[in-house]
Amino acid sequence: CKNLAEKGIKFCIVSNSNKKEKVKMV
């Protein structure tokens, strides 16, 4: 993620999980 972000690639996580803390932690 870090290497690609440094090259301008944008990221977003979209999860169906209702366990927000797990998704937030990742």
mmCIF file of all heavy atoms, coordinates in Angstrom:
data_MODEL
# 
_entry.id   MODEL 
# 
loop_
_atom_site.group_PDB 
_atom_site.id 
_atom_site.type_symbol 
_atom_site.label_atom_id 
_atom_site.label_alt_id 
_atom_site.label_comp_id 
_atom_site.label_asym_id 
_atom_site.label_entity_id 
_atom_site.label_seq_id 
_atom_site.pdbx_PDB_ins_code 
_atom_site.Cartn_x 
_atom_site.Cartn_y 
_atom_site.Cartn_z 
_atom_site.occupancy 
_atom_site.B_iso_or_equiv 
_atom_site.pdbx_formal_charge 
_atom_site.auth_seq_id 
_atom_site.auth_comp_id 
_atom_site.auth_asym_id 
_atom_site.auth_atom_id 
_atom_site.pdbx_PDB_model_num 
ATOM 1   N N   . CYS A 1 1  ? 0.833   -1.215  0.000  1.00 0.00 ? 1  CYS A N   1 
ATOM 2   C CA  . CYS A 1 1  ? 0.000   0.000   0.000  1.00 0.00 ? 1  CYS A CA  1 
ATOM 3   C C   . CYS A 1 1  ? 0.861   1.256   0.000  1.00 0.00 ? 1  CYS A C   1 
ATOM 4   O O   . CYS A 1 1  ? 0.607   2.196   -0.759 1.00 0.00 ? 1  CYS A O   1 
ATOM 5   C CB  . CYS A 1 1  ? -0.935  0.021   1.208  1.00 0.00 ? 1  CYS A CB  1 
ATOM 6   S SG  . CYS A 1 1  ? -2.358  -1.048  1.064  1.00 0.00 ? 1  CYS A SG  1 
ATOM 7   N N   . LYS A 1 2  ? 1.869   1.271   0.846  1.00 0.00 ? 2  LYS A N   1 
ATOM 8   C CA  . LYS A 1 2  ? 2.734   2.443   0.954  1.00 0.00 ? 2  LYS A CA  1 
ATOM 9   C C   . LYS A 1 2  ? 3.442   2.720   -0.369 1.00 0.00 ? 2  LYS A C   1 
ATOM 10  O O   . LYS A 1 2  ? 3.473   3.861   -0.839 1.00 0.00 ? 2  LYS A O   1 
ATOM 11  C CB  . LYS A 1 2  ? 3.758   2.237   2.069  1.00 0.00 ? 2  LYS A CB  1 
ATOM 12  C CG  . LYS A 1 2  ? 4.667   3.422   2.286  1.00 0.00 ? 2  LYS A CG  1 
ATOM 13  C CD  . LYS A 1 2  ? 5.639   3.168   3.446  1.00 0.00 ? 2  LYS A CD  1 
ATOM 14  C CE  . LYS A 1 2  ? 6.491   4.393   3.650  1.00 0.00 ? 2  LYS A CE  1 
ATOM 15  N NZ  . LYS A 1 2  ? 7.892   4.155   3.539  1.00 0.00 ? 2  LYS A NZ  1 
ATOM 16  N N   . ASN A 1 3  ? 4.010   1.695   -0.984 1.00 0.00 ? 3  ASN A N   1 
ATOM 17  C CA  . ASN A 1 3  ? 4.720   1.876   -2.249 1.00 0.00 ? 3  ASN A CA  1 
ATOM 18  C C   . ASN A 1 3  ? 3.807   2.394   -3.352 1.00 0.00 ? 3  ASN A C   1 
ATOM 19  O O   . ASN A 1 3  ? 4.187   3.291   -4.115 1.00 0.00 ? 3  ASN A O   1 
ATOM 20  C CB  . ASN A 1 3  ? 5.376   0.561   -2.695 1.00 0.00 ? 3  ASN A CB  1 
ATOM 21  C CG  . ASN A 1 3  ? 6.553   0.178   -1.838 1.00 0.00 ? 3  ASN A CG  1 
ATOM 22  O OD1 . ASN A 1 3  ? 7.138   1.002   -1.137 1.00 0.00 ? 3  ASN A OD1 1 
ATOM 23  N ND2 . ASN A 1 3  ? 6.906   -1.102  -1.875 1.00 0.00 ? 3  ASN A ND2 1 
ATOM 24  N N   . LEU A 1 4  ? 2.612   1.856   -3.443 1.00 0.00 ? 4  LEU A N   1 
ATOM 25  C CA  . LEU A 1 4  ? 1.691   2.309   -4.485 1.00 0.00 ? 4  LEU A CA  1 
ATOM 26  C C   . LEU A 1 4  ? 1.145   3.703   -4.188 1.00 0.00 ? 4  LEU A C   1 
ATOM 27  O O   . LEU A 1 4  ? 0.982   4.512   -5.103 1.00 0.00 ? 4  LEU A O   1 
ATOM 28  C CB  . LEU A 1 4  ? 0.562   1.305   -4.673 1.00 0.00 ? 4  LEU A CB  1 
ATOM 29  C CG  . LEU A 1 4  ? 0.980   -0.037  -5.282 1.00 0.00 ? 4  LEU A CG  1 
ATOM 30  C CD1 . LEU A 1 4  ? -0.216  -0.965  -5.398 1.00 0.00 ? 4  LEU A CD1 1 
ATOM 31  C CD2 . LEU A 1 4  ? 1.639   0.155   -6.641 1.00 0.00 ? 4  LEU A CD2 1 
ATOM 32  N N   . ALA A 1 5  ? 0.888   3.993   -2.927 1.00 0.00 ? 5  ALA A N   1 
ATOM 33  C CA  . ALA A 1 5  ? 0.409   5.320   -2.554 1.00 0.00 ? 5  ALA A CA  1 
ATOM 34  C C   . ALA A 1 5  ? 1.451   6.382   -2.902 1.00 0.00 ? 5  ALA A C   1 
ATOM 35  O O   . ALA A 1 5  ? 1.096   7.477   -3.364 1.00 0.00 ? 5  ALA A O   1 
ATOM 36  C CB  . ALA A 1 5  ? 0.058   5.366   -1.072 1.00 0.00 ? 5  ALA A CB  1 
ATOM 37  N N   . GLU A 1 6  ? 2.723   6.059   -2.717 1.00 0.00 ? 6  GLU A N   1 
ATOM 38  C CA  . GLU A 1 6  ? 3.795   6.989   -3.072 1.00 0.00 ? 6  GLU A CA  1 
ATOM 39  C C   . GLU A 1 6  ? 3.836   7.252   -4.580 1.00 0.00 ? 6  GLU A C   1 
ATOM 40  O O   . GLU A 1 6  ? 4.347   8.274   -5.018 1.00 0.00 ? 6  GLU A O   1 
ATOM 41  C CB  . GLU A 1 6  ? 5.139   6.451   -2.604 1.00 0.00 ? 6  GLU A CB  1 
ATOM 42  C CG  . GLU A 1 6  ? 5.326   6.532   -1.104 1.00 0.00 ? 6  GLU A CG  1 
ATOM 43  C CD  . GLU A 1 6  ? 6.591   5.850   -0.600 1.00 0.00 ? 6  GLU A CD  1 
ATOM 44  O OE1 . GLU A 1 6  ? 7.301   5.184   -1.396 1.00 0.00 ? 6  GLU A OE1 1 
ATOM 45  O OE2 . GLU A 1 6  ? 6.861   5.969   0.615  1.00 0.00 ? 6  GLU A OE2 1 
ATOM 46  N N   . LYS A 1 7  ? 3.267   6.348   -5.362 1.00 0.00 ? 7  LYS A N   1 
ATOM 47  C CA  . LYS A 1 7  ? 3.210   6.504   -6.823 1.00 0.00 ? 7  LYS A CA  1 
ATOM 48  C C   . LYS A 1 7  ? 1.884   7.109   -7.270 1.00 0.00 ? 7  LYS A C   1 
ATOM 49  O O   . LYS A 1 7  ? 1.596   7.158   -8.458 1.00 0.00 ? 7  LYS A O   1 
ATOM 50  C CB  . LYS A 1 7  ? 3.455   5.158   -7.487 1.00 0.00 ? 7  LYS A CB  1 
ATOM 51  C CG  . LYS A 1 7  ? 4.870   4.677   -7.236 1.00 0.00 ? 7  LYS A CG  1 
ATOM 52  C CD  . LYS A 1 7  ? 5.116   3.329   -7.807 1.00 0.00 ? 7  LYS A CD  1 
ATOM 53  C CE  . LYS A 1 7  ? 6.574   2.973   -7.479 1.00 0.00 ? 7  LYS A CE  1 
ATOM 54  N NZ  . LYS A 1 7  ? 6.912   1.633   -7.790 1.00 0.00 ? 7  LYS A NZ  1 
ATOM 55  N N   . GLY A 1 8  ? 1.075   7.540   -6.295 1.00 0.00 ? 8  GLY A N   1 
ATOM 56  C CA  . GLY A 1 8  ? -0.169  8.239   -6.624 1.00 0.00 ? 8  GLY A CA  1 
ATOM 57  C C   . GLY A 1 8  ? -1.415  7.375   -6.683 1.00 0.00 ? 8  GLY A C   1 
ATOM 58  O O   . GLY A 1 8  ? -2.492  7.874   -7.004 1.00 0.00 ? 8  GLY A O   1 
ATOM 59  N N   . ILE A 1 9  ? -1.307  6.101   -6.378 1.00 0.00 ? 9  ILE A N   1 
ATOM 60  C CA  . ILE A 1 9  ? -2.486  5.237   -6.377 1.00 0.00 ? 9  ILE A CA  1 
ATOM 61  C C   . ILE A 1 9  ? -3.291  5.514   -5.106 1.00 0.00 ? 9  ILE A C   1 
ATOM 62  O O   . ILE A 1 9  ? -2.739  5.590   -4.021 1.00 0.00 ? 9  ILE A O   1 
ATOM 63  C CB  . ILE A 1 9  ? -2.094  3.746   -6.441 1.00 0.00 ? 9  ILE A CB  1 
ATOM 64  C CG1 . ILE A 1 9  ? -1.277  3.454   -7.698 1.00 0.00 ? 9  ILE A CG1 1 
ATOM 65  C CG2 . ILE A 1 9  ? -3.323  2.842   -6.366 1.00 0.00 ? 9  ILE A CG2 1 
ATOM 66  C CD1 . ILE A 1 9  ? -1.993  3.734   -9.008 1.00 0.00 ? 9  ILE A CD1 1 
ATOM 67  N N   . LYS A 1 10 ? -4.596  5.664   -5.268 1.00 0.00 ? 10 LYS A N   1 
ATOM 68  C CA  . LYS A 1 10 ? -5.474  5.920   -4.132 1.00 0.00 ? 10 LYS A CA  1 
ATOM 69  C C   . LYS A 1 10 ? -6.153  4.620   -3.725 1.00 0.00 ? 10 LYS A C   1 
ATOM 70  O O   . LYS A 1 10 ? -6.422  3.757   -4.559 1.00 0.00 ? 10 LYS A O   1 
ATOM 71  C CB  . LYS A 1 10 ? -6.506  6.973   -4.500 1.00 0.00 ? 10 LYS A CB  1 
ATOM 72  C CG  . LYS A 1 10 ? -5.846  8.298   -4.792 1.00 0.00 ? 10 LYS A CG  1 
ATOM 73  C CD  . LYS A 1 10 ? -6.838  9.353   -5.101 1.00 0.00 ? 10 LYS A CD  1 
ATOM 74  C CE  . LYS A 1 10 ? -6.061  10.628  -5.408 1.00 0.00 ? 10 LYS A CE  1 
ATOM 75  N NZ  . LYS A 1 10 ? -6.877  11.760  -5.554 1.00 0.00 ? 10 LYS A NZ  1 
ATOM 76  N N   . PHE A 1 11 ? -6.420  4.500   -2.437 1.00 0.00 ? 11 PHE A N   1 
ATOM 77  C CA  . PHE A 1 11 ? -7.027  3.300   -1.876 1.00 0.00 ? 11 PHE A CA  1 
ATOM 78  C C   . PHE A 1 11 ? -8.251  3.649   -1.037 1.00 0.00 ? 11 PHE A C   1 
ATOM 79  O O   . PHE A 1 11 ? -8.325  4.728   -0.458 1.00 0.00 ? 11 PHE A O   1 
ATOM 80  C CB  . PHE A 1 11 ? -6.043  2.590   -0.934 1.00 0.00 ? 11 PHE A CB  1 
ATOM 81  C CG  . PHE A 1 11 ? -4.868  1.971   -1.608 1.00 0.00 ? 11 PHE A CG  1 
ATOM 82  C CD1 . PHE A 1 11 ? -3.670  2.656   -1.709 1.00 0.00 ? 11 PHE A CD1 1 
ATOM 83  C CD2 . PHE A 1 11 ? -4.949  0.693   -2.123 1.00 0.00 ? 11 PHE A CD2 1 
ATOM 84  C CE1 . PHE A 1 11 ? -2.572  2.087   -2.316 1.00 0.00 ? 11 PHE A CE1 1 
ATOM 85  C CE2 . PHE A 1 11 ? -3.855  0.109   -2.732 1.00 0.00 ? 11 PHE A CE2 1 
ATOM 86  C CZ  . PHE A 1 11 ? -2.667  0.804   -2.827 1.00 0.00 ? 11 PHE A CZ  1 
ATOM 87  N N   . CYS A 1 12 ? -9.160  2.693   -0.960 1.00 0.00 ? 12 CYS A N   1 
ATOM 88  C CA  . CYS A 1 12 ? -10.258 2.752   0.006  1.00 0.00 ? 12 CYS A CA  1 
ATOM 89  C C   . CYS A 1 12 ? -10.682 1.316   0.282  1.00 0.00 ? 12 CYS A C   1 
ATOM 90  O O   . CYS A 1 12 ? -10.721 0.484   -0.629 1.00 0.00 ? 12 CYS A O   1 
ATOM 91  C CB  . CYS A 1 12 ? -11.437 3.548   -0.541 1.00 0.00 ? 12 CYS A CB  1 
ATOM 92  S SG  . CYS A 1 12 ? -12.740 3.826   0.698  1.00 0.00 ? 12 CYS A SG  1 
ATOM 93  N N   . ILE A 1 13 ? -10.971 1.030   1.531  1.00 0.00 ? 13 ILE A N   1 
ATOM 94  C CA  . ILE A 1 13 ? -11.512 -0.271  1.910  1.00 0.00 ? 13 ILE A CA  1 
ATOM 95  C C   . ILE A 1 13 ? -13.030 -0.151  1.953  1.00 0.00 ? 13 ILE A C   1 
ATOM 96  O O   . ILE A 1 13 ? -13.565 0.777   2.544  1.00 0.00 ? 13 ILE A O   1 
ATOM 97  C CB  . ILE A 1 13 ? -11.000 -0.702  3.300  1.00 0.00 ? 13 ILE A CB  1 
ATOM 98  C CG1 . ILE A 1 13 ? -9.496  -0.940  3.274  1.00 0.00 ? 13 ILE A CG1 1 
ATOM 99  C CG2 . ILE A 1 13 ? -11.749 -1.939  3.792  1.00 0.00 ? 13 ILE A CG2 1 
ATOM 100 C CD1 . ILE A 1 13 ? -8.881  -1.174  4.641  1.00 0.00 ? 13 ILE A CD1 1 
ATOM 101 N N   . VAL A 1 14 ? -13.707 -1.086  1.304  1.00 0.00 ? 14 VAL A N   1 
ATOM 102 C CA  . VAL A 1 14 ? -15.158 -1.201  1.413  1.00 0.00 ? 14 VAL A CA  1 
ATOM 103 C C   . VAL A 1 14 ? -15.442 -2.614  1.900  1.00 0.00 ? 14 VAL A C   1 
ATOM 104 O O   . VAL A 1 14 ? -15.161 -3.583  1.199  1.00 0.00 ? 14 VAL A O   1 
ATOM 105 C CB  . VAL A 1 14 ? -15.870 -0.943  0.065  1.00 0.00 ? 14 VAL A CB  1 
ATOM 106 C CG1 . VAL A 1 14 ? -17.372 -1.120  0.218  1.00 0.00 ? 14 VAL A CG1 1 
ATOM 107 C CG2 . VAL A 1 14 ? -15.554 0.452   -0.463 1.00 0.00 ? 14 VAL A CG2 1 
ATOM 108 N N   . SER A 1 15 ? -15.968 -2.696  3.095  1.00 0.00 ? 15 SER A N   1 
ATOM 109 C CA  . SER A 1 15 ? -16.214 -3.997  3.716  1.00 0.00 ? 15 SER A CA  1 
ATOM 110 C C   . SER A 1 15 ? -17.693 -4.149  4.041  1.00 0.00 ? 15 SER A C   1 
ATOM 111 O O   . SER A 1 15 ? -18.353 -3.182  4.411  1.00 0.00 ? 15 SER A O   1 
ATOM 112 C CB  . SER A 1 15 ? -15.396 -4.116  5.004  1.00 0.00 ? 15 SER A CB  1 
ATOM 113 O OG  . SER A 1 15 ? -15.705 -5.320  5.663  1.00 0.00 ? 15 SER A OG  1 
ATOM 114 N N   . ASN A 1 16 ? -18.188 -5.345  3.904  1.00 0.00 ? 16 ASN A N   1 
ATOM 115 C CA  . ASN A 1 16 ? -19.563 -5.630  4.329  1.00 0.00 ? 16 ASN A CA  1 
ATOM 116 C C   . ASN A 1 16 ? -19.648 -5.913  5.819  1.00 0.00 ? 16 ASN A C   1 
ATOM 117 O O   . ASN A 1 16 ? -20.735 -6.065  6.359  1.00 0.00 ? 16 ASN A O   1 
ATOM 118 C CB  . ASN A 1 16 ? -20.124 -6.830  3.559  1.00 0.00 ? 16 ASN A CB  1 
ATOM 119 C CG  . ASN A 1 16 ? -20.586 -6.446  2.177  1.00 0.00 ? 16 ASN A CG  1 
ATOM 120 O OD1 . ASN A 1 16 ? -20.711 -5.275  1.852  1.00 0.00 ? 16 ASN A OD1 1 
ATOM 121 N ND2 . ASN A 1 16 ? -20.820 -7.438  1.345  1.00 0.00 ? 16 ASN A ND2 1 
ATOM 122 N N   . SER A 1 17 ? -18.518 -5.966  6.467  1.00 0.00 ? 17 SER A N   1 
ATOM 123 C CA  . SER A 1 17 ? -18.490 -6.280  7.892  1.00 0.00 ? 17 SER A CA  1 
ATOM 124 C C   . SER A 1 17 ? -19.214 -5.214  8.706  1.00 0.00 ? 17 SER A C   1 
ATOM 125 O O   . SER A 1 17 ? -19.055 -4.023  8.474  1.00 0.00 ? 17 SER A O   1 
ATOM 126 C CB  . SER A 1 17 ? -17.042 -6.393  8.376  1.00 0.00 ? 17 SER A CB  1 
ATOM 127 O OG  . SER A 1 17 ? -17.015 -6.638  9.762  1.00 0.00 ? 17 SER A OG  1 
ATOM 128 N N   . ASN A 1 18 ? -19.991 -5.679  9.664  1.00 0.00 ? 18 ASN A N   1 
ATOM 129 C CA  . ASN A 1 18 ? -20.606 -4.735  10.591 1.00 0.00 ? 18 ASN A CA  1 
ATOM 130 C C   . ASN A 1 18 ? -19.729 -4.560  11.830 1.00 0.00 ? 18 ASN A C   1 
ATOM 131 O O   . ASN A 1 18 ? -20.115 -3.912  12.779 1.00 0.00 ? 18 ASN A O   1 
ATOM 132 C CB  . ASN A 1 18 ? -22.024 -5.177  10.961 1.00 0.00 ? 18 ASN A CB  1 
ATOM 133 C CG  . ASN A 1 18 ? -22.069 -6.545  11.604 1.00 0.00 ? 18 ASN A CG  1 
ATOM 134 O OD1 . ASN A 1 18 ? -21.034 -7.186  11.798 1.00 0.00 ? 18 ASN A OD1 1 
ATOM 135 N ND2 . ASN A 1 18 ? -23.261 -7.003  11.923 1.00 0.00 ? 18 ASN A ND2 1 
ATOM 136 N N   . LYS A 1 19 ? -18.530 -5.143  11.791 1.00 0.00 ? 19 LYS A N   1 
ATOM 137 C CA  . LYS A 1 19 ? -17.559 -4.993  12.878 1.00 0.00 ? 19 LYS A CA  1 
ATOM 138 C C   . LYS A 1 19 ? -16.635 -3.834  12.532 1.00 0.00 ? 19 LYS A C   1 
ATOM 139 O O   . LYS A 1 19 ? -15.519 -4.008  12.047 1.00 0.00 ? 19 LYS A O   1 
ATOM 140 C CB  . LYS A 1 19 ? -16.786 -6.297  13.074 1.00 0.00 ? 19 LYS A CB  1 
ATOM 141 C CG  . LYS A 1 19 ? -17.681 -7.427  13.501 1.00 0.00 ? 19 LYS A CG  1 
ATOM 142 C CD  . LYS A 1 19 ? -16.931 -8.718  13.623 1.00 0.00 ? 19 LYS A CD  1 
ATOM 143 C CE  . LYS A 1 19 ? -17.921 -9.818  14.016 1.00 0.00 ? 19 LYS A CE  1 
ATOM 144 N NZ  . LYS A 1 19 ? -17.347 -11.130 13.904 1.00 0.00 ? 19 LYS A NZ  1 
ATOM 145 N N   . LYS A 1 20 ? -17.129 -2.633  12.775 1.00 0.00 ? 20 LYS A N   1 
ATOM 146 C CA  . LYS A 1 20 ? -16.420 -1.419  12.387 1.00 0.00 ? 20 LYS A CA  1 
ATOM 147 C C   . LYS A 1 20 ? -15.007 -1.360  12.951 1.00 0.00 ? 20 LYS A C   1 
ATOM 148 O O   . LYS A 1 20 ? -14.085 -0.918  12.275 1.00 0.00 ? 20 LYS A O   1 
ATOM 149 C CB  . LYS A 1 20 ? -17.218 -0.187  12.819 1.00 0.00 ? 20 LYS A CB  1 
ATOM 150 C CG  . LYS A 1 20 ? -16.606 1.108   12.357 1.00 0.00 ? 20 LYS A CG  1 
ATOM 151 C CD  . LYS A 1 20 ? -17.452 2.306   12.733 1.00 0.00 ? 20 LYS A CD  1 
ATOM 152 C CE  . LYS A 1 20 ? -16.792 3.586   12.254 1.00 0.00 ? 20 LYS A CE  1 
ATOM 153 N NZ  . LYS A 1 20 ? -17.587 4.758   12.555 1.00 0.00 ? 20 LYS A NZ  1 
ATOM 154 N N   . GLU A 1 21 ? -14.813 -1.808  14.186 1.00 0.00 ? 21 GLU A N   1 
ATOM 155 C CA  . GLU A 1 21 ? -13.486 -1.733  14.806 1.00 0.00 ? 21 GLU A CA  1 
ATOM 156 C C   . GLU A 1 21 ? -12.456 -2.572  14.050 1.00 0.00 ? 21 GLU A C   1 
ATOM 157 O O   . GLU A 1 21 ? -11.305 -2.182  13.936 1.00 0.00 ? 21 GLU A O   1 
ATOM 158 C CB  . GLU A 1 21 ? -13.555 -2.149  16.277 1.00 0.00 ? 21 GLU A CB  1 
ATOM 159 C CG  . GLU A 1 21 ? -14.234 -1.112  17.159 1.00 0.00 ? 21 GLU A CG  1 
ATOM 160 C CD  . GLU A 1 21 ? -13.605 0.272   17.049 1.00 0.00 ? 21 GLU A CD  1 
ATOM 161 O OE1 . GLU A 1 21 ? -12.366 0.392   17.132 1.00 0.00 ? 21 GLU A OE1 1 
ATOM 162 O OE2 . GLU A 1 21 ? -14.366 1.236   16.877 1.00 0.00 ? 21 GLU A OE2 1 
ATOM 163 N N   . LYS A 1 22 ? -12.878 -3.727  13.542 1.00 0.00 ? 22 LYS A N   1 
ATOM 164 C CA  . LYS A 1 22 ? -11.964 -4.572  12.766 1.00 0.00 ? 22 LYS A CA  1 
ATOM 165 C C   . LYS A 1 22 ? -11.550 -3.861  11.478 1.00 0.00 ? 22 LYS A C   1 
ATOM 166 O O   . LYS A 1 22 ? -10.361 -3.797  11.149 1.00 0.00 ? 22 LYS A O   1 
ATOM 167 C CB  . LYS A 1 22 ? -12.629 -5.910  12.428 1.00 0.00 ? 22 LYS A CB  1 
ATOM 168 C CG  . LYS A 1 22 ? -11.783 -6.791  11.518 1.00 0.00 ? 22 LYS A CG  1 
ATOM 169 C CD  . LYS A 1 22 ? -12.432 -8.126  11.240 1.00 0.00 ? 22 LYS A CD  1 
ATOM 170 C CE  . LYS A 1 22 ? -13.588 -7.981  10.290 1.00 0.00 ? 22 LYS A CE  1 
ATOM 171 N NZ  . LYS A 1 22 ? -14.145 -9.272  9.852  1.00 0.00 ? 22 LYS A NZ  1 
ATOM 172 N N   . VAL A 1 23 ? -12.508 -3.304  10.775 1.00 0.00 ? 23 VAL A N   1 
ATOM 173 C CA  . VAL A 1 23 ? -12.231 -2.608  9.525  1.00 0.00 ? 23 VAL A CA  1 
ATOM 174 C C   . VAL A 1 23 ? -11.367 -1.374  9.798  1.00 0.00 ? 23 VAL A C   1 
ATOM 175 O O   . VAL A 1 23 ? -10.390 -1.118  9.090  1.00 0.00 ? 23 VAL A O   1 
ATOM 176 C CB  . VAL A 1 23 ? -13.545 -2.214  8.811  1.00 0.00 ? 23 VAL A CB  1 
ATOM 177 C CG1 . VAL A 1 23 ? -13.265 -1.466  7.521  1.00 0.00 ? 23 VAL A CG1 1 
ATOM 178 C CG2 . VAL A 1 23 ? -14.395 -3.459  8.541  1.00 0.00 ? 23 VAL A CG2 1 
ATOM 179 N N   . LYS A 1 24 ? -11.708 -0.629  10.839 1.00 0.00 ? 24 LYS A N   1 
ATOM 180 C CA  . LYS A 1 24 ? -10.950 0.557   11.218 1.00 0.00 ? 24 LYS A CA  1 
ATOM 181 C C   . LYS A 1 24 ? -9.504  0.205   11.559 1.00 0.00 ? 24 LYS A C   1 
ATOM 182 O O   . LYS A 1 24 ? -8.575  0.897   11.137 1.00 0.00 ? 24 LYS A O   1 
ATOM 183 C CB  . LYS A 1 24 ? -11.617 1.236   12.412 1.00 0.00 ? 24 LYS A CB  1 
ATOM 184 C CG  . LYS A 1 24 ? -10.914 2.485   12.882 1.00 0.00 ? 24 LYS A CG  1 
ATOM 185 C CD  . LYS A 1 24 ? -11.640 3.093   14.074 1.00 0.00 ? 24 LYS A CD  1 
ATOM 186 C CE  . LYS A 1 24 ? -10.893 4.312   14.583 1.00 0.00 ? 24 LYS A CE  1 
ATOM 187 N NZ  . LYS A 1 24 ? -11.535 4.877   15.769 1.00 0.00 ? 24 LYS A NZ  1 
ATOM 188 N N   . MET A 1 25 ? -9.296  -0.888  12.276 1.00 0.00 ? 25 MET A N   1 
ATOM 189 C CA  . MET A 1 25 ? -7.954  -1.314  12.667 1.00 0.00 ? 25 MET A CA  1 
ATOM 190 C C   . MET A 1 25 ? -7.095  -1.595  11.435 1.00 0.00 ? 25 MET A C   1 
ATOM 191 O O   . MET A 1 25 ? -5.959  -1.151  11.340 1.00 0.00 ? 25 MET A O   1 
ATOM 192 C CB  . MET A 1 25 ? -8.033  -2.564  13.549 1.00 0.00 ? 25 MET A CB  1 
ATOM 193 C CG  . MET A 1 25 ? -6.704  -3.080  14.052 1.00 0.00 ? 25 MET A CG  1 
ATOM 194 S SD  . MET A 1 25 ? -6.017  -4.566  13.267 1.00 0.00 ? 25 MET A SD  1 
ATOM 195 C CE  . MET A 1 25 ? -7.348  -5.622  12.899 1.00 0.00 ? 25 MET A CE  1 
ATOM 196 N N   . VAL A 1 26 ? -7.645  -2.308  10.470 1.00 0.00 ? 26 VAL A N   1 
ATOM 197 C CA  . VAL A 1 26 ? -6.901  -2.617  9.238  1.00 0.00 ? 26 VAL A CA  1 
ATOM 198 C C   . VAL A 1 26 ? -6.606  -1.332  8.471  1.00 0.00 ? 26 VAL A C   1 
ATOM 199 O O   . VAL A 1 26 ? -5.481  -1.102  8.035  1.00 0.00 ? 26 VAL A O   1 
ATOM 200 C CB  . VAL A 1 26 ? -7.682  -3.619  8.363  1.00 0.00 ? 26 VAL A CB  1 
ATOM 201 C CG1 . VAL A 1 26 ? -7.006  -3.798  7.010  1.00 0.00 ? 26 VAL A CG1 1 
ATOM 202 C CG2 . VAL A 1 26 ? -7.813  -4.952  9.075  1.00 0.00 ? 26 VAL A CG2 1 
# 
